[in-house]
Amino acid sequence: MKAKIPPDAPLLVEIGSARPIEVSFDDKEPYSIAIVITNGSRRCKFVHINRRKSGVYVAHSLEGSSHESYHSDGKRHWKMKGIDEETGREDEVITDLPSGPPLDQLKGFVRFRNATTVLDSAFLENFSEFVDSDGTFDKIVYLDSRCLPSAINYQVILVEPFRHGLIPFYSAYPCHFQLFTRCLPWIALLIYEQWPKTKRTK
């Protein structure tokens, strides 16, 4: 797999070497990222991010599973499973979302998922417990709710290679930023400490 390097992208180059115009690497597919939250007594499966040949998926482990998908051709949808109150049977609702560019034609970045969640222990009980038998993950992002405020906002952003510098940041909240470059497009994960608002020192 080859990724073009934008001519204006900041790049580290060895002394005496010419600036490359593209980079070759073996992108990994499928590529899986797990976000795990602990409160000190249990580990909760929070969010799974999966890059497959068919697209990118963000899945939640709350009861009544749901996921948001961005397919390779640019089509997007939100899918939620639950129990129909009238029939008592499992029901699935699919909501189409505005389409974006095909993943292999993505320029700049696309905001894929943006959500805020509280971190109190009572709410975390709604999430399944993370166990070793859940499978293998390429990366695990581990959050400790004891070191975070009452709520966080997380954003999953799809990024054209070497265009991560275009992603804007909120200045009001501290941000934990991670960039995963072993897949195409690159995947950026931003986690903001939201409220109660963290006081910044001058």
Foldseek 3Di string as FASTA:
>chain_A
DKAAAPPPFDDDDDPPDDDDGIDDDQFDAFAKEWEWEDQVPFIFGAWMWTQHQQFIKIWGQFPFIKIWTQGQQFWIKIKTWDADPVPRHIDMDIGTDDGDHGLVPDAQKDWGDKDKDFDDPVVRVRGDTDDPVVDDHPYYHYHYVVPAAGMKMKTKMFGRPSNPVVDDDDPQWDWDWDWAVSHGRIIIMIMTRPPPGDDDDD
